[in-house]
């Protein structure tokens, strides 16, 4: 189960890195094409896309994380973790 989870997270991370790199390359190309002074709006738009991509990535990773907790495994009577000390 853990291996499957790691594989899913690795795929999500790889996809995120690929999409982010693509957006950054597109920004660099646009800056070169339009010139440095007229690209402020385009830079903001690309930064917004990267921010949305990062948020989506974080939510996907959270969905893939196992829902294991000490309380769910041992029951609420051990939720205070006193048995660990």
PDB file of N, CA and C in Angstrom:
ATOM      1  N   UNK A   1       0.822  -1.199   0.000  1.00  0.00           N
ATOM      2  CA  UNK A   1       0.000   0.000   0.000  1.00  0.00           C
ATOM      3  C   UNK A   1       0.862   1.256   0.000  1.00  0.00           C
ATOM      4  N   UNK A   2       1.899   1.256   0.845  1.00  0.00           N
ATOM      5  CA  UNK A   2       2.790   2.416   0.939  1.00  0.00           C
ATOM      6  C   UNK A   2       3.494   2.652  -0.395  1.00  0.00           C
ATOM      7  N   UNK A   3       3.903   1.567  -1.074  1.00  0.00           N
ATOM      8  CA  UNK A   3       4.605   1.696  -2.350  1.00  0.00           C
ATOM      9  C   UNK A   3       3.692   2.317  -3.408  1.00  0.00           C
ATOM     10  N   UNK A   4       2.432   1.897  -3.429  1.00  0.00           N
ATOM     11  CA  UNK A   4       1.464   2.459  -4.373  1.00  0.00           C
ATOM     12  C   UNK A   4       1.278   3.942  -4.100  1.00  0.00           C
ATOM     13  N   UNK A   5       1.167   4.294  -2.835  1.00  0.00           N
ATOM     14  CA  UNK A   5       1.021   5.702  -2.456  1.00  0.00           C
ATOM     15  C   UNK A   5       2.222   6.508  -2.925  1.00  0.00           C
ATOM     16  N   UNK A   6       3.426   6.008  -2.691  1.00  0.00           N
ATOM     17  CA  UNK A   6       4.638   6.721  -3.109  1.00  0.00           C
ATOM     18  C   UNK A   6       4.686   6.881  -4.620  1.00  0.00           C
ATOM     19  N   UNK A   7       4.258   5.862  -5.343  1.00  0.00           N
ATOM     20  CA  UNK A   7       4.239   5.936  -6.803  1.00  0.00           C
ATOM     21  C   UNK A   7       3.269   7.012  -7.268  1.00  0.00           C
ATOM     22  N   UNK A   8       2.097   7.076  -6.647  1.00  0.00           N
ATOM     23  CA  UNK A   8       1.112   8.100  -7.015  1.00  0.00           C
ATOM     24  C   UNK A   8       1.653   9.497  -6.742  1.00  0.00           C
ATOM     25  N   UNK A   9       2.259   9.689  -5.596  1.00  0.00           N
ATOM     26  CA  UNK A   9       2.813  10.999  -5.247  1.00  0.00           C
ATOM     27  C   UNK A   9       3.951  11.356  -6.193  1.00  0.00           C
ATOM     28  N   UNK A  10       4.808  10.392  -6.517  1.00  0.00           N
ATOM     29  CA  UNK A  10       5.907  10.647  -7.452  1.00  0.00           C
ATOM     30  C   UNK A  10       5.381  11.084  -8.815  1.00  0.00           C
ATOM     31  N   UNK A  11       4.314  10.459  -9.282  1.00  0.00           N
ATOM     32  CA  UNK A  11       3.718  10.839 -10.568  1.00  0.00           C
ATOM     33  C   UNK A  11       3.158  12.259 -10.514  1.00  0.00           C
ATOM     34  N   UNK A  12       2.495  12.595  -9.416  1.00  0.00           N
ATOM     35  CA  UNK A  12       1.931  13.940  -9.267  1.00  0.00           C
ATOM     36  C   UNK A  12       3.045  14.978  -9.228  1.00  0.00           C
ATOM     37  N   UNK A  13       4.111  14.686  -8.493  1.00  0.00           N
ATOM     38  CA  UNK A  13       5.239  15.618  -8.400  1.00  0.00           C
ATOM     39  C   UNK A  13       5.892  15.796  -9.764  1.00  0.00           C
ATOM     40  N   UNK A  14       6.081  14.711 -10.506  1.00  0.00           N
ATOM     41  CA  UNK A  14       6.692  14.798 -11.834  1.00  0.00           C
ATOM     42  C   UNK A  14       5.825  15.619 -12.782  1.00  0.00           C
ATOM     43  N   UNK A  15       4.509  15.410 -12.729  1.00  0.00           N
ATOM     44  CA  UNK A  15       3.600  16.179 -13.576  1.00  0.00           C
ATOM     45  C   UNK A  15       3.647  17.659 -13.205  1.00  0.00           C
ATOM     46  N   UNK A  16       3.664  17.951 -11.913  1.00  0.00           N
ATOM     47  CA  UNK A  16       3.743  19.329 -11.438  1.00  0.00           C
ATOM     48  C   UNK A  16       5.017  20.003 -11.941  1.00  0.00           C
ATOM     49  N   UNK A  17       6.149  19.323 -11.788  1.00  0.00           N
ATOM     50  CA  UNK A  17       7.423  19.891 -12.226  1.00  0.00           C
ATOM     51  C   UNK A  17       7.426  20.157 -13.727  1.00  0.00           C
ATOM     52  N   UNK A  18       6.855  19.233 -14.490  1.00  0.00           N
ATOM     53  CA  UNK A  18       6.801  19.389 -15.944  1.00  0.00           C
ATOM     54  C   UNK A  18       5.934  20.595 -16.332  1.00  0.00           C
ATOM     55  N   UNK A  19       4.758  20.717 -15.718  1.00  0.00           N
ATOM     56  CA  UNK A  19       3.861  21.834 -16.032  1.00  0.00           C
ATOM     57  C   UNK A  19       4.471  23.170 -15.618  1.00  0.00           C
ATOM     58  N   UNK A  20       5.121  23.200 -14.464  1.00  0.00           N
ATOM     59  CA  UNK A  20       5.747  24.433 -13.992  1.00  0.00           C
ATOM     60  C   UNK A  20       6.880  24.846 -14.923  1.00  0.00           C
ATOM     61  N   UNK A  21       7.692  23.894 -15.344  1.00  0.00           N
ATOM     62  CA  UNK A  21       8.791  24.182 -16.262  1.00  0.00           C
ATOM     63  C   UNK A  21       8.257  24.716 -17.590  1.00  0.00           C
ATOM     64  N   UNK A  22       7.173  24.134 -18.078  1.00  0.00           N
ATOM     65  CA  UNK A  22       6.559  24.597 -19.325  1.00  0.00           C
ATOM     66  C   UNK A  22       6.085  26.040 -19.195  1.00  0.00           C
ATOM     67  N   UNK A  23       5.429  26.370 -18.088  1.00  0.00           N
ATOM     68  CA  UNK A  23       4.963  27.747 -17.880  1.00  0.00           C
ATOM     69  C   UNK A  23       6.135  28.724 -17.795  1.00  0.00           C
ATOM     70  N   UNK A  24       7.193  28.323 -17.117  1.00  0.00           N
ATOM     71  CA  UNK A  24       8.361  29.199 -17.000  1.00  0.00           C
ATOM     72  C   UNK A  24       9.033  29.406 -18.359  1.00  0.00           C
ATOM     73  N   UNK A  25       9.109  28.362 -19.172  1.00  0.00           N
ATOM     74  CA  UNK A  25       9.693  28.499 -20.513  1.00  0.00           C
ATOM     75  C   UNK A  25       8.835  29.408 -21.386  1.00  0.00           C
ATOM     76  N   UNK A  26       7.516  29.245 -21.294  1.00  0.00           N
ATOM     77  CA  UNK A  26       6.621  30.110 -22.068  1.00  0.00           C
ATOM     78  C   UNK A  26       6.784  31.568 -21.667  1.00  0.00           C
ATOM     79  N   UNK A  27       6.961  31.820 -20.388  1.00  0.00           N
ATOM     80  CA  UNK A  27       7.178  33.182 -19.912  1.00  0.00           C
ATOM     81  C   UNK A  27       8.477  33.749 -20.477  1.00  0.00           C
ATOM     82  N   UNK A  28       9.539  32.968 -20.428  1.00  0.00           N
ATOM     83  CA  UNK A  28      10.824  33.436 -20.958  1.00  0.00           C
ATOM     84  C   UNK A  28      10.728  33.747 -22.449  1.00  0.00           C
ATOM     85  N   UNK A  29      10.049  32.885 -23.208  1.00  0.00           N
ATOM     86  CA  UNK A  29       9.878  33.115 -24.644  1.00  0.00           C
ATOM     87  C   UNK A  29       9.084  34.394 -24.899  1.00  0.00           C
ATOM     88  N   UNK A  30       8.021  34.591 -24.125  1.00  0.00           N
ATOM     89  CA  UNK A  30       7.186  35.778 -24.299  1.00  0.00           C
ATOM     90  C   UNK A  30       7.958  37.040 -23.952  1.00  0.00           C
ATOM     91  N   UNK A  31       8.784  36.978 -22.919  1.00  0.00           N
ATOM     92  CA  UNK A  31       9.590  38.140 -22.540  1.00  0.00           C
ATOM     93  C   UNK A  31      10.554  38.488 -23.662  1.00  0.00           C
ATOM     94  N   UNK A  32      11.190  37.484 -24.233  1.00  0.00           N
ATOM     95  CA  UNK A  32      12.129  37.730 -25.334  1.00  0.00           C
ATOM     96  C   UNK A  32      11.407  38.287 -26.553  1.00  0.00           C
ATOM     97  N   UNK A  33      10.207  37.774 -26.816  1.00  0.00           N
ATOM     98  CA  UNK A  33       9.453  38.196 -27.992  1.00  0.00           C
ATOM     99  C   UNK A  33       8.930  39.624 -27.853  1.00  0.00           C
ATOM    100  N   UNK A  34       8.397  39.979 -26.695  1.00  0.00           N
ATOM    101  CA  UNK A  34       7.781  41.292 -26.503  1.00  0.00           C
ATOM    102  C   UNK A  34       8.728  42.332 -25.940  1.00  0.00           C
ATOM    103  N   UNK A  35       9.806  41.906 -25.376  1.00  0.00           N
ATOM    104  CA  UNK A  35      10.705  42.851 -24.733  1.00  0.00           C
ATOM    105  C   UNK A  35      10.419  42.919 -23.248  1.00  0.00           C
ATOM    106  N   UNK A  36      11.414  43.282 -22.489  1.00  0.00           N
ATOM    107  CA  UNK A  36      11.318  43.270 -21.032  1.00  0.00           C
ATOM    108  C   UNK A  36      10.325  44.250 -20.451  1.00  0.00           C
ATOM    109  N   UNK A  37      10.089  45.389 -21.077  1.00  0.00           N
ATOM    110  CA  UNK A  37       9.262  46.434 -20.475  1.00  0.00           C
ATOM    111  C   UNK A  37       7.764  46.165 -20.575  1.00  0.00           C
ATOM    112  N   UNK A  38       7.327  45.485 -21.619  1.00  0.00           N
ATOM    113  CA  UNK A  38       5.885  45.322 -21.833  1.00  0.00           C
ATOM    114  C   UNK A  38       5.354  43.966 -21.367  1.00  0.00           C
ATOM    115  N   UNK A  39       6.087  43.285 -20.528  1.00  0.00           N
ATOM    116  CA  UNK A  39       5.680  41.924 -20.163  1.00  0.00           C
ATOM    117  C   UNK A  39       5.210  41.799 -18.719  1.00  0.00           C
ATOM    118  N   UNK A  40       4.993  42.894 -18.021  1.00  0.00           N
ATOM    119  CA  UNK A  40       4.595  42.835 -16.615  1.00  0.00           C
ATOM    120  C   UNK A  40       3.273  42.086 -16.455  1.00  0.00           C
ATOM    121  N   UNK A  41       2.303  42.399 -17.307  1.00  0.00           N
ATOM    122  CA  UNK A  41       1.001  41.736 -17.231  1.00  0.00           C
ATOM    123  C   UNK A  41       1.136  40.237 -17.506  1.00  0.00           C
ATOM    124  N   UNK A  42       1.945  39.900 -18.499  1.00  0.00           N
ATOM    125  CA  UNK A  42       2.149  38.499 -18.842  1.00  0.00           C
ATOM    126  C   UNK A  42       2.847  37.751 -17.703  1.00  0.00           C
ATOM    127  N   UNK A  43       3.781  38.422 -17.055  1.00  0.00           N
ATOM    128  CA  UNK A  43       4.489  37.803 -15.934  1.00  0.00           C
ATOM    129  C   UNK A  43       3.520  37.536 -14.781  1.00  0.00           C
ATOM    130  N   UNK A  44       2.644  38.502 -14.493  1.00  0.00           N
ATOM    131  CA  UNK A  44       1.653  38.316 -13.427  1.00  0.00           C
ATOM    132  C   UNK A  44       0.716  37.157 -13.754  1.00  0.00           C
ATOM    133  N   UNK A  45       0.289  37.087 -15.009  1.00  0.00           N
ATOM    134  CA  UNK A  45      -0.605  36.010 -15.431  1.00  0.00           C
ATOM    135  C   UNK A  45       0.069  34.647 -15.263  1.00  0.00           C
ATOM    136  N   UNK A  46       1.333  34.565 -15.654  1.00  0.00           N
ATOM    137  CA  UNK A  46       2.069  33.306 -15.520  1.00  0.00           C
ATOM    138  C   UNK A  46       2.289  32.952 -14.059  1.00  0.00           C
ATOM    139  N   UNK A  47       2.598  33.939 -13.236  1.00  0.00           N
ATOM    140  CA  UNK A  47       2.763  33.677 -11.802  1.00  0.00           C
ATOM    141  C   UNK A  47       1.461  33.179 -11.185  1.00  0.00           C
ATOM    142  N   UNK A  48       0.333  33.729 -11.633  1.00  0.00           N
ATOM    143  CA  UNK A  48      -0.970  33.263 -11.149  1.00  0.00           C
ATOM    144  C   UNK A  48      -1.218  31.812 -11.558  1.00  0.00           C
ATOM    145  N   UNK A  49      -0.853  31.477 -12.803  1.00  0.00           N
ATOM    146  CA  UNK A  49      -1.020  30.099 -13.269  1.00  0.00           C
ATOM    147  C   UNK A  49      -0.156  29.147 -12.452  1.00  0.00           C
ATOM    148  N   UNK A  50       1.069  29.565 -12.148  1.00  0.00           N
ATOM    149  CA  UNK A  50       1.959  28.725 -11.344  1.00  0.00           C
ATOM    150  C   UNK A  50       1.398  28.564  -9.936  1.00  0.00           C
ATOM    151  N   UNK A  51       0.826  29.627  -9.386  1.00  0.00           N
ATOM    152  CA  UNK A  51       0.237  29.555  -8.051  1.00  0.00           C
ATOM    153  C   UNK A  51      -0.951  28.592  -8.035  1.00  0.00           C
ATOM    154  N   UNK A  52      -1.794  28.654  -9.064  1.00  0.00           N
ATOM    155  CA  UNK A  52      -2.930  27.738  -9.168  1.00  0.00           C
ATOM    156  C   UNK A  52      -2.426  26.305  -9.313  1.00  0.00           C
ATOM    157  N   UNK A  53      -1.404  26.125 -10.133  1.00  0.00           N
ATOM    158  CA  UNK A  53      -0.815  24.803 -10.327  1.00  0.00           C
ATOM    159  C   UNK A  53      -0.274  24.257  -9.012  1.00  0.00           C
ATOM    160  N   UNK A  54       0.388  25.110  -8.244  1.00  0.00           N
ATOM    161  CA  UNK A  54       0.934  24.694  -6.947  1.00  0.00           C
ATOM    162  C   UNK A  54      -0.192  24.304  -5.990  1.00  0.00           C
ATOM    163  N   UNK A  55      -1.261  25.082  -5.973  1.00  0.00           N
ATOM    164  CA  UNK A  55      -2.408  24.760  -5.109  1.00  0.00           C
ATOM    165  C   UNK A  55      -3.041  23.434  -5.509  1.00  0.00           C
ATOM    166  N   UNK A  56      -3.217  23.237  -6.818  1.00  0.00           N
ATOM    167  CA  UNK A  56      -3.781  21.977  -7.303  1.00  0.00           C
ATOM    168  C   UNK A  56      -2.894  20.804  -6.910  1.00  0.00           C
ATOM    169  N   UNK A  57      -1.593  20.995  -7.059  1.00  0.00           N
ATOM    170  CA  UNK A  57      -0.630  19.950  -6.720  1.00  0.00           C
ATOM    171  C   UNK A  57      -0.727  19.586  -5.239  1.00  0.00           C
ATOM    172  N   UNK A  58      -0.781  20.600  -4.390  1.00  0.00           N
ATOM    173  CA  UNK A  58      -0.855  20.341  -2.946  1.00  0.00           C
ATOM    174  C   UNK A  58      -2.139  19.604  -2.583  1.00  0.00           C
ATOM    175  N   UNK A  59      -3.249  19.974  -3.221  1.00  0.00           N
ATOM    176  CA  UNK A  59      -4.509  19.294  -2.908  1.00  0.00           C
ATOM    177  C   UNK A  59      -4.486  17.849  -3.392  1.00  0.00           C
ATOM    178  N   UNK A  60      -3.850  17.593  -4.537  1.00  0.00           N
ATOM    179  CA  UNK A  60      -3.746  16.218  -5.031  1.00  0.00           C
ATOM    180  C   UNK A  60      -2.875  15.373  -4.109  1.00  0.00           C
ATOM    181  N   UNK A  61      -1.793  15.949  -3.615  1.00  0.00           N
ATOM    182  CA  UNK A  61      -0.920  15.212  -2.708  1.00  0.00           C
ATOM    183  C   UNK A  61      -1.660  14.895  -1.417  1.00  0.00           C
ATOM    184  N   UNK A  62      -2.443  15.855  -0.918  1.00  0.00           N
ATOM    185  CA  UNK A  62      -3.217  15.621   0.305  1.00  0.00           C
ATOM    186  C   UNK A  62      -4.218  14.487   0.111  1.00  0.00           C
ATOM    187  N   UNK A  63      -4.826  14.420  -1.080  1.00  0.00           N
ATOM    188  CA  UNK A  63      -5.794  13.363  -1.361  1.00  0.00           C
ATOM    189  C   UNK A  63      -5.121  11.996  -1.382  1.00  0.00           C
ATOM    190  N   UNK A  64      -3.882  11.940  -1.818  1.00  0.00           N
ATOM    191  CA  UNK A  64      -3.165  10.669  -1.928  1.00  0.00           C
ATOM    192  C   UNK A  64      -2.562  10.215  -0.614  1.00  0.00           C
ATOM    193  N   UNK A  65      -2.429  11.110   0.339  1.00  0.00           N
ATOM    194  CA  UNK A  65      -1.816  10.738   1.609  1.00  0.00           C
ATOM    195  C   UNK A  65      -2.734   9.784   2.354  1.00  0.00           C
ATOM    196  N   UNK A  66      -2.152   8.760   2.964  1.00  0.00           N
ATOM    197  CA  UNK A  66      -2.984   7.824   3.721  1.00  0.00           C
ATOM    198  C   UNK A  66      -3.609   8.513   4.926  1.00  0.00           C
ATOM    199  N   UNK A  67      -4.766   8.057   5.300  1.00  0.00           N
ATOM    200  CA  UNK A  67      -5.492   8.692   6.398  1.00  0.00           C
ATOM    201  C   UNK A  67      -5.201   7.998   7.726  1.00  0.00           C
ATOM    202  N   UNK A  68      -4.045   7.397   7.870  1.00  0.00           N
ATOM    203  CA  UNK A  68      -3.660   6.697   9.088  1.00  0.00           C
ATOM    204  C   UNK A  68      -3.296   7.694  10.174  1.00  0.00           C
ATOM    205  N   UNK A  69      -3.893   7.526  11.332  1.00  0.00           N
ATOM    206  CA  UNK A  69      -3.522   8.302  12.516  1.00  0.00           C
ATOM    207  C   UNK A  69      -3.473   7.346  13.690  1.00  0.00           C
ATOM    208  N   UNK A  70      -2.802   7.733  14.741  1.00  0.00           N
ATOM    209  CA  UNK A  70      -2.754   6.893  15.932  1.00  0.00           C
ATOM    210  C   UNK A  70      -4.150   6.681  16.500  1.00  0.00           C
ATOM    211  N   UNK A  71      -4.947   7.728  16.499  1.00  0.00           N
ATOM    212  CA  UNK A  71      -6.302   7.627  17.043  1.00  0.00           C
ATOM    213  C   UNK A  71      -7.140   6.640  16.240  1.00  0.00           C
ATOM    214  N   UNK A  72      -7.010   6.658  14.917  1.00  0.00           N
ATOM    215  CA  UNK A  72      -7.802   5.740  14.107  1.00  0.00           C
ATOM    216  C   UNK A  72      -7.306   4.311  14.236  1.00  0.00           C
ATOM    217  N   UNK A  73      -6.016   4.144  14.486  1.00  0.00           N
ATOM    218  CA  UNK A  73      -5.447   2.805  14.585  1.00  0.00           C
ATOM    219  C   UNK A  73      -5.678   2.190  15.965  1.00  0.00           C
ATOM    220  N   UNK A  74      -5.448   2.955  17.022  1.00  0.00           N
ATOM    221  CA  UNK A  74      -5.540   2.434  18.377  1.00  0.00           C
ATOM    222  C   UNK A  74      -6.859   2.768  19.064  1.00  0.00           C
ATOM    223  N   UNK A  75      -7.644   3.618  18.481  1.00  0.00           N
ATOM    224  CA  UNK A  75      -8.888   4.039  19.119  1.00  0.00           C
ATOM    225  C   UNK A  75      -8.683   5.323  19.890  1.00  0.00           C
ATOM    226  N   UNK A  76      -9.765   5.971  20.210  1.00  0.00           N
ATOM    227  CA  UNK A  76      -9.676   7.281  20.857  1.00  0.00           C
ATOM    228  C   UNK A  76      -9.134   7.206  22.276  1.00  0.00           C
ATOM    229  N   UNK A  77      -9.166   6.040  22.916  1.00  0.00           N
ATOM    230  CA  UNK A  77      -8.671   5.950  24.288  1.00  0.00           C
ATOM    231  C   UNK A  77      -7.162   6.154  24.364  1.00  0.00           C
ATOM    232  N   UNK A  78      -6.461   5.933  23.251  1.00  0.00           N
ATOM    233  CA  UNK A  78      -5.014   6.126  23.225  1.00  0.00           C
ATOM    234  C   UNK A  78      -4.616   7.396  22.485  1.00  0.00           C
ATOM    235  N   UNK A  79      -5.569   8.230  22.183  1.00  0.00           N
ATOM    236  CA  UNK A  79      -5.300   9.422  21.377  1.00  0.00           C
ATOM    237  C   UNK A  79      -4.412  10.420  22.091  1.00  0.00           C
ATOM    238  N   UNK A  80      -4.285  10.317  23.408  1.00  0.00           N
ATOM    239  CA  UNK A  80      -3.439  11.271  24.125  1.00  0.00           C
ATOM    240  C   UNK A  80      -1.955  10.937  23.988  1.00  0.00           C
ATOM    241  N   UNK A  81      -1.609   9.813  23.390  1.00  0.00           N
ATOM    242  CA  UNK A  81      -0.233   9.401  23.103  1.00  0.00           C
ATOM    243  C   UNK A  81       0.573   9.137  24.372  1.00  0.00           C
ATOM    244  N   UNK A  82      -0.092   8.963  25.510  1.00  0.00           N
ATOM    245  CA  UNK A  82       0.628   8.753  26.761  1.00  0.00           C
ATOM    246  C   UNK A  82       1.392   7.437  26.764  1.00  0.00           C
ATOM    247  N   UNK A  83       0.986   6.502  25.941  1.00  0.00           N
ATOM    248  CA  UNK A  83       1.672   5.229  25.894  1.00  0.00           C
ATOM    249  C   UNK A  83       3.026   5.322  25.199  1.00  0.00           C
ATOM    250  N   UNK A  84       3.303   6.434  24.528  1.00  0.00           N
ATOM    251  CA  UNK A  84       4.582   6.613  23.833  1.00  0.00           C
ATOM    252  C   UNK A  84       5.686   7.074  24.764  1.00  0.00           C
ATOM    253  N   UNK A  85       5.357   7.589  25.933  1.00  0.00           N
ATOM    254  CA  UNK A  85       6.369   8.120  26.848  1.00  0.00           C
ATOM    255  C   UNK A  85       6.810   7.108  27.862  1.00  0.00           C
TER     256      UNK A  85
END
